[in-house]
């Protein structure tokens, strides 16, 4: 049986322009790239969570005691470093925020943020290199340069999505006022945790349906 994409590889009129023809190898290369896209798309919501957490973690730090001992203070620029790539980090961040809101007027140590950010850091160390290796392994040799760009594209789309997500939250809820002491930042994290859970289920579904093209390449 010849599919639509296969038909494009069959030579027709010899006088047809080269731009109208493609080889069987090119068709197979295209199929390999298209088959990767469902798994690739599962990372967009994941990186959206990263963008939101990095932005909101700074606001949390501003409302907390940033000193370590009597003579040392953590620069705010460092607080935002890290990435959340798993629901556990979001849940941890939500729990920390709930604890902070439960103690109004009592500065909570910024060191509490080390727990969610530590989880996020471990997740990033596993997820990003794994993505790079997967795309490099599965893409045809002729498209290896595109494979190396797939993970950075996820980061860009995820951060862009995080901006839209925060805009929607600010418009339809009261969770993010000017003063987060009067808001519900923990609800933002809970919402992202729910989104992350759904996204993980989507990833598992894509993984089960995906057929590896080059398992032994790496």
C-alpha atoms as a PDB file:
ATOM      1  CA  UNK A   1       0.000   0.000   0.000  1.00  0.00           C
ATOM      2  CA  UNK A   2       1.381   3.393  -0.962  1.00  0.00           C
ATOM      3  CA  UNK A   3       0.717   6.297   1.389  1.00  0.00           C
ATOM      4  CA  UNK A   4       0.400   9.922   0.329  1.00  0.00           C
ATOM      5  CA  UNK A   5       3.940  10.697   1.477  1.00  0.00           C
ATOM      6  CA  UNK A   6       5.266   7.632  -0.360  1.00  0.00           C
ATOM      7  CA  UNK A   7       3.633   8.727  -3.603  1.00  0.00           C
ATOM      8  CA  UNK A   8       5.674  11.909  -3.546  1.00  0.00           C
ATOM      9  CA  UNK A   9       8.835   9.840  -3.906  1.00  0.00           C
ATOM     10  CA  UNK A  10       7.703   8.212  -7.179  1.00  0.00           C
ATOM     11  CA  UNK A  11       9.148   9.890 -10.210  1.00  0.00           C
ATOM     12  CA  UNK A  12       6.595  11.210 -12.685  1.00  0.00           C
ATOM     13  CA  UNK A  13       7.219  13.377 -15.719  1.00  0.00           C
ATOM     14  CA  UNK A  14      10.960  13.614 -16.333  1.00  0.00           C
ATOM     15  CA  UNK A  15      10.571  17.248 -17.274  1.00  0.00           C
ATOM     16  CA  UNK A  16       9.122  18.150 -13.859  1.00  0.00           C
ATOM     17  CA  UNK A  17      11.239  20.499 -11.770  1.00  0.00           C
ATOM     18  CA  UNK A  18      13.510  18.990  -9.139  1.00  0.00           C
ATOM     19  CA  UNK A  19      11.633  20.899  -6.430  1.00  0.00           C
ATOM     20  CA  UNK A  20       8.546  18.763  -7.140  1.00  0.00           C
ATOM     21  CA  UNK A  21      10.382  15.457  -6.522  1.00  0.00           C
ATOM     22  CA  UNK A  22      11.981  13.879  -3.482  1.00  0.00           C
ATOM     23  CA  UNK A  23      13.790  10.622  -2.851  1.00  0.00           C
ATOM     24  CA  UNK A  24      12.522   7.706  -0.796  1.00  0.00           C
ATOM     25  CA  UNK A  25      15.179   8.552   1.807  1.00  0.00           C
ATOM     26  CA  UNK A  26      13.869  12.092   2.134  1.00  0.00           C
ATOM     27  CA  UNK A  27      10.340  10.772   2.651  1.00  0.00           C
ATOM     28  CA  UNK A  28      11.565   8.395   5.356  1.00  0.00           C
ATOM     29  CA  UNK A  29      13.497  11.236   6.995  1.00  0.00           C
ATOM     30  CA  UNK A  30      10.327  13.332   7.092  1.00  0.00           C
ATOM     31  CA  UNK A  31       8.371  10.456   8.640  1.00  0.00           C
ATOM     32  CA  UNK A  32      11.016  10.066  11.347  1.00  0.00           C
ATOM     33  CA  UNK A  33      10.808  13.756  12.241  1.00  0.00           C
ATOM     34  CA  UNK A  34       6.987  13.827  12.261  1.00  0.00           C
ATOM     35  CA  UNK A  35       6.807  10.747  14.512  1.00  0.00           C
ATOM     36  CA  UNK A  36       8.895  12.528  17.165  1.00  0.00           C
ATOM     37  CA  UNK A  37       6.625  15.590  17.402  1.00  0.00           C
ATOM     38  CA  UNK A  38       3.967  14.174  19.807  1.00  0.00           C
ATOM     39  CA  UNK A  39       6.667  13.343  22.378  1.00  0.00           C
ATOM     40  CA  UNK A  40       8.367  16.686  21.721  1.00  0.00           C
ATOM     41  CA  UNK A  41       5.123  18.600  22.293  1.00  0.00           C
ATOM     42  CA  UNK A  42       4.743  17.076  25.763  1.00  0.00           C
ATOM     43  CA  UNK A  43       7.650  19.257  26.899  1.00  0.00           C
ATOM     44  CA  UNK A  44       5.931  22.591  26.156  1.00  0.00           C
ATOM     45  CA  UNK A  45       3.726  22.595  29.269  1.00  0.00           C
ATOM     46  CA  UNK A  46       6.668  21.285  31.264  1.00  0.00           C
ATOM     47  CA  UNK A  47       8.804  24.288  30.373  1.00  0.00           C
ATOM     48  CA  UNK A  48       5.837  26.619  30.880  1.00  0.00           C
ATOM     49  CA  UNK A  49       5.940  25.540  34.532  1.00  0.00           C
ATOM     50  CA  UNK A  50       9.646  26.346  34.640  1.00  0.00           C
ATOM     51  CA  UNK A  51       9.014  29.884  33.401  1.00  0.00           C
ATOM     52  CA  UNK A  52       6.270  30.516  35.949  1.00  0.00           C
ATOM     53  CA  UNK A  53       8.246  29.098  38.852  1.00  0.00           C
ATOM     54  CA  UNK A  54      11.402  31.051  38.063  1.00  0.00           C
ATOM     55  CA  UNK A  55       9.413  34.286  37.937  1.00  0.00           C
ATOM     56  CA  UNK A  56       7.318  33.638  41.053  1.00  0.00           C
ATOM     57  CA  UNK A  57      10.165  32.279  43.167  1.00  0.00           C
ATOM     58  CA  UNK A  58      11.719  35.750  43.149  1.00  0.00           C
ATOM     59  CA  UNK A  59       8.501  37.286  44.502  1.00  0.00           C
ATOM     60  CA  UNK A  60       8.453  34.668  47.242  1.00  0.00           C
ATOM     61  CA  UNK A  61      12.033  35.492  48.141  1.00  0.00           C
ATOM     62  CA  UNK A  62      11.229  39.216  48.345  1.00  0.00           C
ATOM     63  CA  UNK A  63       8.640  38.451  51.017  1.00  0.00           C
ATOM     64  CA  UNK A  64      10.991  36.233  53.039  1.00  0.00           C
ATOM     65  CA  UNK A  65      14.015  36.620  55.277  1.00  0.00           C
ATOM     66  CA  UNK A  66      16.967  36.388  52.853  1.00  0.00           C
ATOM     67  CA  UNK A  67      19.731  36.289  55.449  1.00  0.00           C
ATOM     68  CA  UNK A  68      21.932  33.289  56.236  1.00  0.00           C
ATOM     69  CA  UNK A  69      23.318  33.997  59.644  1.00  0.00           C
ATOM     70  CA  UNK A  70      23.908  37.569  60.875  1.00  0.00           C
ATOM     71  CA  UNK A  71      26.344  38.713  58.159  1.00  0.00           C
ATOM     72  CA  UNK A  72      25.395  37.102  54.830  1.00  0.00           C
ATOM     73  CA  UNK A  73      22.447  37.724  52.483  1.00  0.00           C
ATOM     74  CA  UNK A  74      21.592  35.731  49.357  1.00  0.00           C
ATOM     75  CA  UNK A  75      21.468  37.899  46.188  1.00  0.00           C
ATOM     76  CA  UNK A  76      17.997  37.810  44.668  1.00  0.00           C
ATOM     77  CA  UNK A  77      19.453  37.044  41.235  1.00  0.00           C
ATOM     78  CA  UNK A  78      20.525  33.625  42.507  1.00  0.00           C
ATOM     79  CA  UNK A  79      17.132  32.714  43.942  1.00  0.00           C
ATOM     80  CA  UNK A  80      15.569  32.402  40.484  1.00  0.00           C
ATOM     81  CA  UNK A  81      18.201  29.911  39.228  1.00  0.00           C
ATOM     82  CA  UNK A  82      16.824  26.430  38.666  1.00  0.00           C
ATOM     83  CA  UNK A  83      14.102  24.693  36.708  1.00  0.00           C
ATOM     84  CA  UNK A  84      11.029  22.782  37.664  1.00  0.00           C
ATOM     85  CA  UNK A  85      10.612  19.675  35.557  1.00  0.00           C
ATOM     86  CA  UNK A  86       8.459  17.553  37.779  1.00  0.00           C
ATOM     87  CA  UNK A  87       5.238  17.879  39.719  1.00  0.00           C
ATOM     88  CA  UNK A  88       7.048  17.229  42.995  1.00  0.00           C
ATOM     89  CA  UNK A  89       8.887  20.547  42.785  1.00  0.00           C
ATOM     90  CA  UNK A  90       5.604  22.394  42.166  1.00  0.00           C
ATOM     91  CA  UNK A  91       3.903  20.644  45.076  1.00  0.00           C
ATOM     92  CA  UNK A  92       6.862  21.475  47.312  1.00  0.00           C
ATOM     93  CA  UNK A  93       6.706  25.120  46.242  1.00  0.00           C
ATOM     94  CA  UNK A  94       2.959  25.220  46.947  1.00  0.00           C
ATOM     95  CA  UNK A  95       3.457  23.745  50.415  1.00  0.00           C
ATOM     96  CA  UNK A  96       6.188  26.257  51.220  1.00  0.00           C
ATOM     97  CA  UNK A  97       3.923  29.115  50.111  1.00  0.00           C
ATOM     98  CA  UNK A  98       1.006  27.777  52.168  1.00  0.00           C
ATOM     99  CA  UNK A  99       3.248  27.677  55.226  1.00  0.00           C
ATOM    100  CA  UNK A 100       4.437  31.229  54.571  1.00  0.00           C
ATOM    101  CA  UNK A 101       0.877  32.556  54.233  1.00  0.00           C
ATOM    102  CA  UNK A 102      -0.111  30.783  57.461  1.00  0.00           C
ATOM    103  CA  UNK A 103       2.417  32.912  59.381  1.00  0.00           C
ATOM    104  CA  UNK A 104       1.543  36.537  58.489  1.00  0.00           C
ATOM    105  CA  UNK A 105       3.972  39.079  59.845  1.00  0.00           C
ATOM    106  CA  UNK A 106       6.582  36.420  60.653  1.00  0.00           C
ATOM    107  CA  UNK A 107       9.454  36.400  58.111  1.00  0.00           C
ATOM    108  CA  UNK A 108      10.053  32.874  56.845  1.00  0.00           C
ATOM    109  CA  UNK A 109      13.599  31.912  55.945  1.00  0.00           C
ATOM    110  CA  UNK A 110      14.334  31.871  52.232  1.00  0.00           C
ATOM    111  CA  UNK A 111      16.193  28.615  52.850  1.00  0.00           C
ATOM    112  CA  UNK A 112      12.813  26.852  52.632  1.00  0.00           C
ATOM    113  CA  UNK A 113      12.978  27.428  48.878  1.00  0.00           C
ATOM    114  CA  UNK A 114      16.027  25.157  48.640  1.00  0.00           C
ATOM    115  CA  UNK A 115      13.729  22.139  48.876  1.00  0.00           C
ATOM    116  CA  UNK A 116      11.558  22.795  45.782  1.00  0.00           C
ATOM    117  CA  UNK A 117      14.455  24.271  43.850  1.00  0.00           C
ATOM    118  CA  UNK A 118      16.645  21.270  44.689  1.00  0.00           C
ATOM    119  CA  UNK A 119      14.005  18.911  43.312  1.00  0.00           C
ATOM    120  CA  UNK A 120      13.708  21.080  40.218  1.00  0.00           C
ATOM    121  CA  UNK A 121      17.472  21.060  39.733  1.00  0.00           C
ATOM    122  CA  UNK A 122      17.662  17.279  39.853  1.00  0.00           C
ATOM    123  CA  UNK A 123      14.807  17.047  37.366  1.00  0.00           C
ATOM    124  CA  UNK A 124      16.536  19.449  34.995  1.00  0.00           C
ATOM    125  CA  UNK A 125      19.791  17.487  35.213  1.00  0.00           C
ATOM    126  CA  UNK A 126      17.928  14.389  34.065  1.00  0.00           C
ATOM    127  CA  UNK A 127      15.420  15.806  31.594  1.00  0.00           C
ATOM    128  CA  UNK A 128      17.370  18.216  29.401  1.00  0.00           C
ATOM    129  CA  UNK A 129      20.316  15.907  28.507  1.00  0.00           C
ATOM    130  CA  UNK A 130      17.850  13.061  28.001  1.00  0.00           C
ATOM    131  CA  UNK A 131      15.889  15.135  25.515  1.00  0.00           C
ATOM    132  CA  UNK A 132      19.024  16.049  23.590  1.00  0.00           C
ATOM    133  CA  UNK A 133      20.161  12.417  23.408  1.00  0.00           C
ATOM    134  CA  UNK A 134      16.721  11.206  22.311  1.00  0.00           C
ATOM    135  CA  UNK A 135      16.360  13.676  19.434  1.00  0.00           C
ATOM    136  CA  UNK A 136      19.936  13.125  18.297  1.00  0.00           C
ATOM    137  CA  UNK A 137      19.383   9.361  18.348  1.00  0.00           C
ATOM    138  CA  UNK A 138      16.039   9.351  16.528  1.00  0.00           C
ATOM    139  CA  UNK A 139      16.570  12.007  13.871  1.00  0.00           C
ATOM    140  CA  UNK A 140      18.116  10.972  10.536  1.00  0.00           C
ATOM    141  CA  UNK A 141      21.800  11.797  10.092  1.00  0.00           C
ATOM    142  CA  UNK A 142      20.899  14.404   7.506  1.00  0.00           C
ATOM    143  CA  UNK A 143      18.833  16.276  10.104  1.00  0.00           C
ATOM    144  CA  UNK A 144      21.120  16.056  13.148  1.00  0.00           C
ATOM    145  CA  UNK A 145      21.510  19.848  13.221  1.00  0.00           C
ATOM    146  CA  UNK A 146      17.734  20.154  13.662  1.00  0.00           C
ATOM    147  CA  UNK A 147      17.824  17.544  16.430  1.00  0.00           C
ATOM    148  CA  UNK A 148      20.150  19.694  18.536  1.00  0.00           C
ATOM    149  CA  UNK A 149      17.708  22.611  18.240  1.00  0.00           C
ATOM    150  CA  UNK A 150      14.633  20.702  19.456  1.00  0.00           C
ATOM    151  CA  UNK A 151      15.311  21.058  23.195  1.00  0.00           C
ATOM    152  CA  UNK A 152      16.083  24.811  23.005  1.00  0.00           C
ATOM    153  CA  UNK A 153      12.862  25.227  21.020  1.00  0.00           C
ATOM    154  CA  UNK A 154      11.008  23.600  23.922  1.00  0.00           C
ATOM    155  CA  UNK A 155      12.531  26.090  26.336  1.00  0.00           C
ATOM    156  CA  UNK A 156      11.496  29.019  24.133  1.00  0.00           C
ATOM    157  CA  UNK A 157       7.926  27.770  23.685  1.00  0.00           C
ATOM    158  CA  UNK A 158       7.625  26.893  27.360  1.00  0.00           C
ATOM    159  CA  UNK A 159       8.706  30.325  28.543  1.00  0.00           C
ATOM    160  CA  UNK A 160       6.442  32.004  26.003  1.00  0.00           C
ATOM    161  CA  UNK A 161       3.561  29.857  27.267  1.00  0.00           C
ATOM    162  CA  UNK A 162       4.388  30.798  30.855  1.00  0.00           C
ATOM    163  CA  UNK A 163       3.825  34.478  30.017  1.00  0.00           C
ATOM    164  CA  UNK A 164       0.403  33.707  28.564  1.00  0.00           C
ATOM    165  CA  UNK A 165      -0.440  31.489  31.548  1.00  0.00           C
ATOM    166  CA  UNK A 166       0.418  34.217  34.053  1.00  0.00           C
ATOM    167  CA  UNK A 167      -1.605  36.765  32.076  1.00  0.00           C
ATOM    168  CA  UNK A 168      -4.667  34.488  32.135  1.00  0.00           C
ATOM    169  CA  UNK A 169      -4.274  33.821  35.873  1.00  0.00           C
ATOM    170  CA  UNK A 170      -3.985  37.549  36.606  1.00  0.00           C
ATOM    171  CA  UNK A 171      -7.092  38.302  34.537  1.00  0.00           C
ATOM    172  CA  UNK A 172      -9.467  35.605  35.784  1.00  0.00           C
ATOM    173  CA  UNK A 173      -8.360  35.155  39.415  1.00  0.00           C
ATOM    174  CA  UNK A 174      -7.236  37.211  42.401  1.00  0.00           C
ATOM    175  CA  UNK A 175      -4.291  34.939  43.108  1.00  0.00           C
ATOM    176  CA  UNK A 176      -1.576  37.389  42.027  1.00  0.00           C
ATOM    177  CA  UNK A 177      -2.152  40.881  43.460  1.00  0.00           C
ATOM    178  CA  UNK A 178       0.613  43.467  43.757  1.00  0.00           C
ATOM    179  CA  UNK A 179       1.346  42.206  47.256  1.00  0.00           C
ATOM    180  CA  UNK A 180       1.557  38.405  47.206  1.00  0.00           C
ATOM    181  CA  UNK A 181       0.854  38.362  50.961  1.00  0.00           C
ATOM    182  CA  UNK A 182      -2.741  39.094  49.955  1.00  0.00           C
ATOM    183  CA  UNK A 183      -2.770  36.569  47.100  1.00  0.00           C
ATOM    184  CA  UNK A 184      -2.746  32.822  46.640  1.00  0.00           C
ATOM    185  CA  UNK A 185       0.491  31.954  44.898  1.00  0.00           C
ATOM    186  CA  UNK A 186       0.122  28.440  46.258  1.00  0.00           C
ATOM    187  CA  UNK A 187      -2.970  28.001  44.071  1.00  0.00           C
ATOM    188  CA  UNK A 188      -0.870  28.906  41.031  1.00  0.00           C
ATOM    189  CA  UNK A 189       1.545  26.118  41.925  1.00  0.00           C
ATOM    190  CA  UNK A 190      -1.291  23.648  42.582  1.00  0.00           C
ATOM    191  CA  UNK A 191      -2.777  24.463  39.189  1.00  0.00           C
ATOM    192  CA  UNK A 192       0.574  23.897  37.501  1.00  0.00           C
ATOM    193  CA  UNK A 193       0.986  20.630  39.404  1.00  0.00           C
ATOM    194  CA  UNK A 194      -2.368  19.469  38.019  1.00  0.00           C
ATOM    195  CA  UNK A 195      -1.332  20.542  34.518  1.00  0.00           C
ATOM    196  CA  UNK A 196       1.969  18.736  34.996  1.00  0.00           C
ATOM    197  CA  UNK A 197       0.192  15.537  36.054  1.00  0.00           C
ATOM    198  CA  UNK A 198      -2.001  15.649  32.955  1.00  0.00           C
ATOM    199  CA  UNK A 199       1.034  16.401  30.803  1.00  0.00           C
ATOM    200  CA  UNK A 200       2.914  13.438  32.268  1.00  0.00           C
ATOM    201  CA  UNK A 201      -0.011  11.163  31.359  1.00  0.00           C
ATOM    202  CA  UNK A 202       0.135  12.600  27.832  1.00  0.00           C
ATOM    203  CA  UNK A 203       3.883  11.888  27.717  1.00  0.00           C
ATOM    204  CA  UNK A 204       3.322   8.270  28.801  1.00  0.00           C
ATOM    205  CA  UNK A 205       0.678   7.810  26.115  1.00  0.00           C
ATOM    206  CA  UNK A 206       3.053   9.191  23.475  1.00  0.00           C
ATOM    207  CA  UNK A 207       5.880   7.004  24.754  1.00  0.00           C
ATOM    208  CA  UNK A 208       3.791   3.823  24.503  1.00  0.00           C
ATOM    209  CA  UNK A 209       2.807   4.582  20.924  1.00  0.00           C
ATOM    210  CA  UNK A 210       6.244   5.658  19.778  1.00  0.00           C
ATOM    211  CA  UNK A 211       8.351   3.171  17.794  1.00  0.00           C
ATOM    212  CA  UNK A 212      12.088   3.737  18.069  1.00  0.00           C
ATOM    213  CA  UNK A 213      13.926   4.128  14.803  1.00  0.00           C
ATOM    214  CA  UNK A 214      17.458   3.791  16.119  1.00  0.00           C
ATOM    215  CA  UNK A 215      17.641   2.362  19.649  1.00  0.00           C
ATOM    216  CA  UNK A 216      21.272   1.336  19.310  1.00  0.00           C
ATOM    217  CA  UNK A 217      22.561   4.625  17.915  1.00  0.00           C
ATOM    218  CA  UNK A 218      23.639   6.006  21.274  1.00  0.00           C
END
